[in-house]
Amino acid sequence: MNFSREITIAVNPSPNVFEITDNENGDQRFLGYEGKFLKAVLSGLGYRYKAIVTEDGEFGRLKPDGNWTGMIGLVHRDEVDLSFTTIAITEERFTEIEFSTPYEKLSPSFVVKKPGIIRPMFAFVYSFDMRVWICLITLLLIMTFVFVKILNRKESPGNMFYTLFASLLGQGFNIEIDSVPSTILFCSWLVANTVIPVSYSAALLSFLTVPLYETPIRNYQELSLAVQKGTHRCYALRGTSTIAYLRNSANKNLRILGDEIHNHEWYISDWDIASGKYLAQDTAILSNTKKLSLFYGSKPESLITDDTLTSWPSAFAVSKKFCCKARLNSIISRLVQAGVYEKLFKDQSIKFTLAHLDNTPEPDVFKKLSIKDLAGVFLLLGVGLLLAFISLLVEIIHHRFIIKASSKV
């Protein structure tokens, strides 16, 4: 190592991404997949180095007074030689400072908690779509009048409708077949009467076997609408390029989402993201896809959206006074082409997953049906029994009135 020169690097520590510790000799030691990558780059440069943690913990945003915050600000003021920790190359930053050869692409995404299981009272009607139910009712009405017309009997449409409906429920189908048209019609109805109940039974069993979940938030548009309704909050890192992108977007909903995050100060740290304490049923966490996959990719209760806003190259922010930019670019290119960065990320992901296996809840594979699952069926049965009892009372009272009237005559 060349001790004739010392370079300074501005960093933002992040758990499992970039961590700094001091060894017994007082030298700095870098951990995490980005920390180990920085160590490899600095070893290639061969200079003494010193990492400086930013005071505000920001990546870098342009303030109204024209000054930059965070790591970008330190490089812009030539207070450090390099800045490093998932720094995105944006157009606004590129016009102010220099960057090295990119080593990674950053795609902003968000994570939400998977919604809970739907347990509606009338879950048994969920086996068919609403359009299917409408088609079935329409089919019953059409077949009722067709049967009455073709059979050419004095049977009322009401009785025929009841007969056809009862046949779908497994009751007997007592209709006299005395012509070719009635035979064809009966065979057609027999096929439908076989397929429809079997299809419903299969769909109902699959519904009971695999519970129905609520629809999760799947993209930024839905997230923005949920934030506007007040049902969700969205947390992000302060000073990231993602917030600036949202607030300056041509899409109205994306602008509103960025403004809501900024105005409500929904900012958290990387340590909060790693802990997962801010992730709840009514919250979303916004960060780059790699970090989210590291912290939440192995958690079955979390859902990382596939929708991404854009993609930025990630690189070292380089001071204009830095002497060895060409050498730095050469080292980064060789490491990236050799797959070192991806290897470090995969190793850290496996390590993080293994360290948190004990905290991962085991999914319930076997569940018993509860009263909530069958509440609608029992309610329907109770209503039917009540109506039958009322009908019985009406018939008894009506019969007694008839007997009294006949006795008076």
Protein backbone atom coordinates (compact mmCIF):
# COMPACT_ATOMS: atom_id res chain seq x y z
CA MET A 1 0.00 0.00 0.00
CA ASN A 2 1.21 3.48 -0.88
CA PHE A 3 1.40 5.55 2.34
CA SER A 4 2.41 8.72 0.52
CA ARG A 5 -1.23 9.64 -0.10
CA GLU A 6 -4.47 9.23 1.78
CA ILE A 7 -7.86 9.44 0.12
CA THR A 8 -11.09 10.22 1.94
CA ILE A 9 -14.43 8.60 1.14
CA ALA A 10 -17.84 9.84 2.27
CA VAL A 11 -20.20 6.99 3.10
CA ASN A 12 -23.65 6.32 4.51
CA PRO A 13 -23.67 3.18 6.69
CA SER A 14 -26.48 0.74 6.10
CA PRO A 15 -27.01 -2.65 7.79
CA ASN A 16 -25.77 -5.56 5.68
CA VAL A 17 -25.10 -3.12 2.84
CA PHE A 18 -22.28 -0.96 4.20
CA GLU A 19 -21.04 -1.16 7.79
CA ILE A 20 -17.88 0.23 9.39
CA THR A 21 -16.04 -1.24 12.35
CA ASP A 22 -12.60 -0.68 13.81
CA ASN A 23 -10.22 -3.57 14.31
CA GLU A 24 -7.70 -3.98 17.14
CA ASN A 25 -5.18 -1.75 15.38
CA GLY A 26 -7.70 1.05 14.99
CA ASP A 27 -7.98 0.53 11.23
CA GLN A 28 -11.36 0.74 9.57
CA ARG A 29 -13.01 -2.44 8.42
CA PHE A 30 -15.84 -2.48 5.88
CA LEU A 31 -18.65 -5.04 6.04
CA GLY A 32 -21.73 -5.68 3.91
CA TYR A 33 -21.78 -6.37 0.19
CA GLU A 34 -21.04 -2.74 -0.75
CA GLY A 35 -18.46 -2.44 2.03
CA LYS A 36 -16.56 -5.44 0.72
CA PHE A 37 -16.80 -4.10 -2.82
CA LEU A 38 -15.32 -0.78 -1.68
CA LYS A 39 -12.54 -2.65 0.10
CA ALA A 40 -11.70 -4.47 -3.15
CA VAL A 41 -11.63 -1.20 -5.10
CA LEU A 42 -9.41 0.54 -2.53
CA SER A 43 -7.06 -2.42 -2.43
CA GLY A 44 -6.64 -2.06 -6.18
CA LEU A 45 -5.89 1.64 -5.86
CA GLY A 46 -3.24 0.95 -3.25
CA TYR A 47 -3.59 4.16 -1.22
CA ARG A 48 -4.27 4.79 2.44
CA TYR A 49 -7.91 5.64 2.98
CA LYS A 50 -10.28 7.06 5.54
CA ALA A 51 -14.07 6.76 5.47
CA ILE A 52 -16.15 9.70 6.70
CA VAL A 53 -19.78 9.23 7.67
CA THR A 54 -22.07 12.04 6.52
CA GLU A 55 -23.62 14.09 9.30
CA ASP A 56 -27.09 14.31 7.78
CA GLY A 57 -27.13 10.70 6.50
CA GLU A 58 -28.42 11.76 3.08
CA PHE A 59 -27.33 10.66 -0.37
CA GLY A 60 -27.58 14.12 -1.82
CA ARG A 61 -30.33 16.55 -2.79
CA LEU A 62 -30.21 20.11 -4.05
CA LYS A 63 -31.51 22.60 -1.48
CA PRO A 64 -33.30 25.84 -2.42
CA ASP A 65 -30.16 27.83 -1.61
CA GLY A 66 -28.21 25.94 -4.28
CA ASN A 67 -26.18 23.76 -1.90
CA TRP A 68 -26.10 19.97 -1.93
CA THR A 69 -26.65 17.73 1.07
CA GLY A 70 -25.14 14.38 2.02
CA MET A 71 -22.44 12.56 0.12
CA ILE A 72 -23.01 14.56 -3.07
CA GLY A 73 -22.49 17.79 -1.15
CA LEU A 74 -19.17 16.66 0.31
CA VAL A 75 -17.85 15.79 -3.15
CA HIS A 76 -19.27 18.96 -4.68
CA ARG A 77 -17.41 21.08 -2.10
CA ASP A 78 -14.22 18.99 -2.59
CA GLU A 79 -14.23 18.02 1.10
CA VAL A 80 -13.68 14.35 0.17
CA ASP A 81 -12.14 12.55 -2.77
CA LEU A 82 -14.92 9.99 -3.26
CA SER A 83 -18.44 9.24 -2.13
CA PHE A 84 -19.81 5.73 -2.15
CA THR A 85 -22.93 3.85 -1.08
CA THR A 86 -25.60 3.16 -3.72
CA ILE A 87 -25.35 6.63 -5.27
CA ALA A 88 -27.55 7.01 -8.34
CA ILE A 89 -26.35 8.99 -11.34
CA THR A 90 -29.15 11.43 -12.13
CA GLU A 91 -29.17 14.23 -14.66
CA GLU A 92 -29.25 16.85 -11.92
CA ARG A 93 -26.24 15.35 -10.15
CA PHE A 94 -24.33 14.64 -13.34
CA THR A 95 -24.23 18.33 -14.24
CA GLU A 96 -22.62 19.23 -10.91
CA ILE A 97 -20.08 16.50 -10.15
CA GLU A 98 -18.17 13.67 -11.84
CA PHE A 99 -18.88 9.98 -11.54
CA SER A 100 -16.88 6.82 -12.03
CA THR A 101 -17.77 3.90 -14.26
CA PRO A 102 -21.14 2.49 -13.11
CA TYR A 103 -21.04 -0.80 -11.25
CA GLU A 104 -24.76 -1.44 -10.69
CA LYS A 105 -28.27 -0.32 -11.68
CA LEU A 106 -30.68 1.03 -9.09
CA SER A 107 -34.41 0.45 -9.60
CA PRO A 108 -36.72 2.07 -7.03
CA SER A 109 -39.45 -0.24 -5.82
CA PHE A 110 -41.59 -0.67 -2.70
CA VAL A 111 -42.60 -3.43 -0.35
CA VAL A 112 -45.95 -3.97 1.37
CA LYS A 113 -47.34 -6.60 3.67
CA LYS A 114 -49.42 -9.28 2.05
CA PRO A 115 -53.11 -8.65 2.75
CA GLY A 116 -55.09 -10.91 5.00
CA ILE A 117 -57.49 -13.71 4.14
CA ILE A 118 -60.99 -12.73 3.07
CA ARG A 119 -63.63 -14.39 5.26
CA PRO A 120 -66.94 -12.98 3.94
CA MET A 121 -70.21 -14.22 5.34
CA PHE A 122 -71.41 -15.37 1.92
CA ALA A 123 -68.10 -16.86 0.80
CA PHE A 124 -69.88 -19.74 -0.92
CA VAL A 125 -71.02 -17.42 -3.72
CA TYR A 126 -67.36 -16.54 -4.48
CA SER A 127 -66.93 -19.87 -6.26
CA PHE A 128 -68.43 -18.29 -9.38
CA ASP A 129 -67.84 -14.84 -10.78
CA MET A 130 -70.76 -12.40 -10.69
CA ARG A 131 -71.13 -12.68 -14.47
CA VAL A 132 -71.44 -16.46 -14.16
CA TRP A 133 -74.22 -16.12 -11.59
CA ILE A 134 -76.06 -13.69 -13.89
CA CYS A 135 -75.70 -16.12 -16.79
CA LEU A 136 -77.04 -18.99 -14.66
CA ILE A 137 -80.12 -17.02 -13.58
CA THR A 138 -80.72 -15.95 -17.17
CA LEU A 139 -80.35 -19.57 -18.32
CA LEU A 140 -82.92 -20.73 -15.76
CA LEU A 141 -85.45 -18.12 -16.90
CA ILE A 142 -84.94 -18.91 -20.59
CA MET A 143 -85.12 -22.68 -20.10
CA THR A 144 -88.28 -22.30 -18.02
CA PHE A 145 -90.21 -20.65 -20.83
CA VAL A 146 -88.69 -22.95 -23.47
CA PHE A 147 -89.77 -26.06 -21.54
CA VAL A 148 -93.28 -24.68 -21.04
CA LYS A 149 -93.57 -23.82 -24.73
CA ILE A 150 -92.19 -27.08 -26.15
CA LEU A 151 -93.96 -29.42 -23.71
CA ASN A 152 -97.19 -27.62 -24.64
CA ARG A 153 -98.81 -28.32 -21.29
CA LYS A 154 -100.70 -26.20 -18.83
CA GLU A 155 -97.92 -26.34 -16.25
CA SER A 156 -97.22 -22.85 -14.92
CA PRO A 157 -93.83 -21.16 -15.49
CA GLY A 158 -93.45 -20.89 -11.70
CA ASN A 159 -93.67 -24.63 -11.18
CA MET A 160 -91.34 -25.28 -14.11
CA PHE A 161 -88.79 -22.79 -12.76
CA TYR A 162 -88.92 -24.49 -9.36
CA THR A 163 -88.45 -27.92 -11.00
CA LEU A 164 -85.41 -26.80 -13.01
CA PHE A 165 -83.88 -25.00 -10.03
CA ALA A 166 -84.38 -28.06 -7.82
CA SER A 167 -82.71 -30.26 -10.43
CA LEU A 168 -79.57 -28.09 -10.22
CA LEU A 169 -79.53 -28.78 -6.49
CA GLY A 170 -79.68 -32.54 -7.02
CA GLN A 171 -83.44 -33.09 -6.81
CA GLY A 172 -85.40 -35.38 -9.08
CA PHE A 173 -86.37 -34.22 -12.58
CA ASN A 174 -89.85 -35.56 -13.36
CA ILE A 175 -90.88 -34.38 -16.83
CA GLU A 176 -92.70 -36.41 -19.44
CA ILE A 177 -90.84 -36.70 -22.74
CA ASP A 178 -93.27 -37.30 -25.61
CA SER A 179 -91.60 -35.74 -28.67
CA VAL A 180 -88.26 -35.33 -30.42
CA PRO A 181 -87.91 -31.61 -29.53
CA SER A 182 -88.62 -32.33 -25.87
CA THR A 183 -86.06 -35.17 -25.95
CA ILE A 184 -83.36 -32.89 -27.40
CA LEU A 185 -84.21 -30.18 -24.87
CA PHE A 186 -84.15 -32.64 -21.99
CA CYS A 187 -80.73 -34.03 -23.04
CA SER A 188 -79.33 -30.50 -23.33
CA TRP A 189 -80.56 -29.60 -19.88
CA LEU A 190 -79.23 -32.89 -18.52
CA VAL A 191 -75.72 -31.98 -19.72
CA ALA A 192 -75.94 -28.51 -18.17
CA ASN A 193 -77.44 -30.00 -15.03
CA THR A 194 -74.35 -32.23 -14.73
CA VAL A 195 -71.63 -29.73 -15.59
CA ILE A 196 -72.83 -26.74 -13.53
CA PRO A 197 -73.09 -28.45 -10.09
CA VAL A 198 -69.80 -30.31 -10.60
CA SER A 199 -68.04 -27.09 -11.59
CA TYR A 200 -69.44 -25.29 -8.56
CA SER A 201 -68.41 -28.11 -6.21
CA ALA A 202 -64.87 -28.16 -7.61
CA ALA A 203 -64.56 -24.37 -7.35
CA LEU A 204 -65.94 -24.38 -3.81
CA LEU A 205 -63.51 -27.09 -2.69
CA SER A 206 -60.57 -25.20 -4.19
CA PHE A 207 -61.75 -22.04 -2.46
CA LEU A 208 -61.91 -23.83 0.89
CA THR A 209 -58.51 -25.47 0.29
CA VAL A 210 -56.69 -22.30 -0.84
CA PRO A 211 -58.09 -19.24 0.99
CA LEU A 212 -58.98 -16.11 -0.93
CA TYR A 213 -56.74 -13.13 -0.15
CA GLU A 214 -57.47 -9.46 -0.52
CA THR A 215 -55.98 -7.73 -3.56
CA PRO A 216 -52.60 -6.16 -2.63
CA ILE A 217 -51.18 -2.87 -3.84
CA ARG A 218 -49.35 -3.82 -7.03
CA ASN A 219 -47.97 -0.61 -8.55
CA TYR A 220 -47.17 3.03 -7.87
CA GLN A 221 -50.51 4.25 -9.18
CA GLU A 222 -52.40 2.10 -6.68
CA LEU A 223 -49.99 3.13 -3.92
CA SER A 224 -50.56 6.81 -4.69
CA LEU A 225 -54.34 6.37 -4.65
CA ALA A 226 -54.13 4.52 -1.32
CA VAL A 227 -52.03 7.33 0.17
CA GLN A 228 -54.49 9.92 -1.13
CA LYS A 229 -57.40 8.04 0.46
CA GLY A 230 -55.53 7.95 3.76
CA THR A 231 -55.51 4.18 4.03
CA HIS A 232 -51.72 3.88 3.65
CA ARG A 233 -48.49 5.70 4.39
CA CYS A 234 -45.30 5.40 2.37
CA TYR A 235 -41.86 5.65 4.00
CA ALA A 236 -38.62 6.40 2.16
CA LEU A 237 -35.01 7.45 2.74
CA ARG A 238 -34.35 11.17 2.98
CA GLY A 239 -32.34 12.78 0.19
CA THR A 240 -32.75 9.97 -2.35
CA SER A 241 -33.15 10.58 -6.06
CA THR A 242 -36.44 8.67 -5.98
CA ILE A 243 -38.26 11.40 -4.04
CA ALA A 244 -37.03 14.08 -6.43
CA TYR A 245 -38.12 11.93 -9.36
CA LEU A 246 -41.62 11.50 -7.91
CA ARG A 247 -42.07 15.20 -7.14
CA ASN A 248 -40.99 16.23 -10.63
CA SER A 249 -42.87 13.51 -12.49
CA ALA A 250 -45.25 14.31 -15.34
CA ASN A 251 -47.73 11.87 -13.80
CA LYS A 252 -50.08 13.61 -11.37
CA ASN A 253 -50.46 10.63 -9.03
CA LEU A 254 -46.70 10.16 -8.77
CA ARG A 255 -46.25 13.86 -7.96
CA ILE A 256 -48.87 13.62 -5.24
CA LEU A 257 -47.15 10.55 -3.79
CA GLY A 258 -43.79 12.35 -3.66
CA ASP A 259 -45.35 15.46 -2.12
CA GLU A 260 -47.17 13.42 0.52
CA ILE A 261 -43.94 11.71 1.57
CA HIS A 262 -42.10 15.05 1.72
CA ASN A 263 -44.85 17.07 3.43
CA HIS A 264 -45.59 14.44 6.09
CA GLU A 265 -41.89 13.76 6.70
CA TRP A 266 -42.32 10.05 6.10
CA TYR A 267 -38.58 9.48 6.19
CA ILE A 268 -36.83 6.55 7.86
CA SER A 269 -33.30 5.18 7.93
CA ASP A 270 -31.81 2.04 6.44
CA TRP A 271 -31.72 0.59 9.94
CA ASP A 272 -35.48 1.06 10.19
CA ILE A 273 -35.95 -0.66 6.82
CA ALA A 274 -33.84 -3.62 7.92
CA SER A 275 -35.69 -3.97 11.22
CA GLY A 276 -39.08 -4.09 9.48
CA LYS A 277 -40.78 -2.17 12.31
CA TYR A 278 -42.38 0.31 9.89
CA LEU A 279 -43.87 -2.37 7.65
CA ALA A 280 -47.53 -2.92 8.53
CA GLN A 281 -50.84 -3.54 6.78
CA ASP A 282 -51.31 0.21 6.20
CA THR A 283 -47.75 1.12 5.20
CA ALA A 284 -45.33 0.75 2.30
CA ILE A 285 -41.54 1.15 2.26
CA LEU A 286 -39.85 2.70 -0.75
CA SER A 287 -36.23 1.85 -1.56
CA ASN A 288 -34.10 0.29 -4.27
CA THR A 289 -34.99 -3.23 -5.32
CA LYS A 290 -31.72 -4.81 -4.18
CA LYS A 291 -32.09 -3.61 -0.60
CA LEU A 292 -35.72 -4.68 -0.44
CA SER A 293 -34.93 -8.13 -1.81
CA LEU A 294 -32.14 -8.45 0.76
CA PHE A 295 -34.29 -7.47 3.77
CA TYR A 296 -37.72 -8.78 2.70
CA GLY A 297 -37.16 -11.24 -0.15
CA SER A 298 -37.15 -14.27 2.17
CA LYS A 299 -40.11 -13.14 4.30
CA PRO A 300 -43.34 -14.84 3.19
CA GLU A 301 -45.52 -12.10 4.70
CA SER A 302 -43.91 -9.39 2.52
CA LEU A 303 -44.60 -8.53 -1.10
CA ILE A 304 -42.13 -6.60 -3.26
CA THR A 305 -43.79 -5.02 -6.26
CA ASP A 306 -42.52 -5.68 -9.78
CA ASP A 307 -43.39 -2.12 -10.79
CA THR A 308 -40.36 0.18 -10.90
CA LEU A 309 -40.28 3.90 -11.65
CA THR A 310 -37.08 3.98 -13.63
CA SER A 311 -33.50 2.74 -13.51
CA TRP A 312 -30.37 4.73 -12.64
CA PRO A 313 -26.74 3.61 -12.90
CA SER A 314 -24.93 3.52 -9.57
CA ALA A 315 -21.31 4.70 -9.30
CA PHE A 316 -18.71 6.45 -7.16
CA ALA A 317 -19.11 10.22 -6.92
CA VAL A 318 -15.67 11.61 -7.73
CA SER A 319 -14.16 14.95 -6.79
CA LYS A 320 -12.68 16.97 -9.65
CA LYS A 321 -9.41 17.08 -7.72
CA PHE A 322 -9.14 13.31 -7.47
CA CYS A 323 -5.95 12.20 -9.18
CA CYS A 324 -6.72 8.64 -10.22
CA LYS A 325 -10.13 8.57 -11.92
CA ALA A 326 -8.89 6.53 -14.91
CA ARG A 327 -7.33 3.95 -12.61
CA LEU A 328 -10.47 3.85 -10.49
CA ASN A 329 -12.64 3.20 -13.57
CA SER A 330 -10.34 0.40 -14.70
CA ILE A 331 -10.53 -1.35 -11.33
CA ILE A 332 -14.32 -1.05 -11.16
CA SER A 333 -14.74 -2.39 -14.70
CA ARG A 334 -12.59 -5.45 -13.99
CA LEU A 335 -14.41 -6.24 -10.75
CA VAL A 336 -17.84 -5.87 -12.34
CA GLN A 337 -16.94 -7.97 -15.37
CA ALA A 338 -15.60 -10.67 -13.08
CA GLY A 339 -18.98 -10.76 -11.28
CA VAL A 340 -17.49 -9.75 -7.93
CA TYR A 341 -20.28 -7.31 -7.01
CA GLU A 342 -23.07 -9.79 -7.73
CA LYS A 343 -21.19 -12.52 -5.86
CA LEU A 344 -20.85 -10.29 -2.80
CA PHE A 345 -24.55 -9.43 -2.90
CA LYS A 346 -25.65 -13.07 -3.18
CA ASP A 347 -23.35 -14.10 -0.32
CA GLN A 348 -24.73 -11.35 1.89
CA SER A 349 -28.31 -12.29 1.00
CA ILE A 350 -27.74 -15.92 1.98
CA LYS A 351 -26.05 -14.83 5.20
CA PHE A 352 -28.91 -12.48 6.10
CA THR A 353 -31.54 -15.12 5.32
CA LEU A 354 -29.83 -17.77 7.44
CA ALA A 355 -29.43 -15.33 10.32
CA HIS A 356 -33.17 -14.59 10.35
CA LEU A 357 -34.56 -18.05 9.79
CA ASP A 358 -35.62 -18.38 13.43
CA ASN A 359 -37.69 -15.20 13.14
CA THR A 360 -39.58 -16.37 10.06
CA PRO A 361 -43.04 -17.67 10.99
CA GLU A 362 -43.92 -21.06 9.60
CA PRO A 363 -46.99 -20.94 7.37
CA ASP A 364 -50.10 -22.75 8.53
CA VAL A 365 -50.53 -25.58 6.05
CA PHE A 366 -53.48 -27.24 7.74
CA LYS A 367 -56.39 -25.12 8.92
CA LYS A 368 -59.76 -26.16 10.24
CA LEU A 369 -62.93 -24.61 8.93
CA SER A 370 -64.25 -22.10 11.44
CA ILE A 371 -67.74 -20.78 12.03
CA LYS A 372 -66.74 -17.67 10.07
CA ASP A 373 -66.19 -19.76 6.95
CA LEU A 374 -69.69 -21.25 7.16
CA ALA A 375 -71.56 -18.33 8.74
CA GLY A 376 -73.29 -17.42 5.48
CA VAL A 377 -74.48 -20.99 4.92
CA PHE A 378 -75.92 -21.24 8.43
CA LEU A 379 -77.52 -17.81 8.05
CA LEU A 380 -79.13 -18.86 4.77
CA LEU A 381 -80.32 -22.09 6.37
CA GLY A 382 -81.76 -20.16 9.31
CA VAL A 383 -83.58 -17.73 7.02
CA GLY A 384 -85.00 -20.67 5.04
CA LEU A 385 -86.20 -22.42 8.19
CA LEU A 386 -87.77 -19.20 9.43
CA LEU A 387 -89.61 -18.64 6.15
CA ALA A 388 -90.76 -22.27 6.16
CA PHE A 389 -92.05 -21.90 9.72
CA ILE A 390 -93.89 -18.70 8.84
CA SER A 391 -95.42 -20.41 5.80
CA LEU A 392 -96.53 -23.30 8.01
CA LEU A 393 -98.21 -20.92 10.44
CA VAL A 394 -99.95 -19.09 7.59
CA GLU A 395 -101.24 -22.40 6.17
CA ILE A 396 -102.52 -23.55 9.59
CA ILE A 397 -104.28 -20.25 10.24
CA HIS A 398 -105.70 -20.18 6.72
CA HIS A 399 -106.94 -23.78 7.06
CA ARG A 400 -108.70 -22.96 10.35
CA PHE A 401 -110.40 -19.94 8.81
CA ILE A 402 -111.69 -22.15 5.99
CA ILE A 403 -113.03 -24.71 8.48
CA LYS A 404 -114.79 -21.99 10.52
CA ALA A 405 -116.27 -20.46 7.41
CA SER A 406 -117.57 -23.80 6.17
CA SER A 407 -119.08 -24.64 9.57
CA LYS A 408 -121.05 -21.38 9.60
CA VAL A 409 -122.49 -22.13 6.20
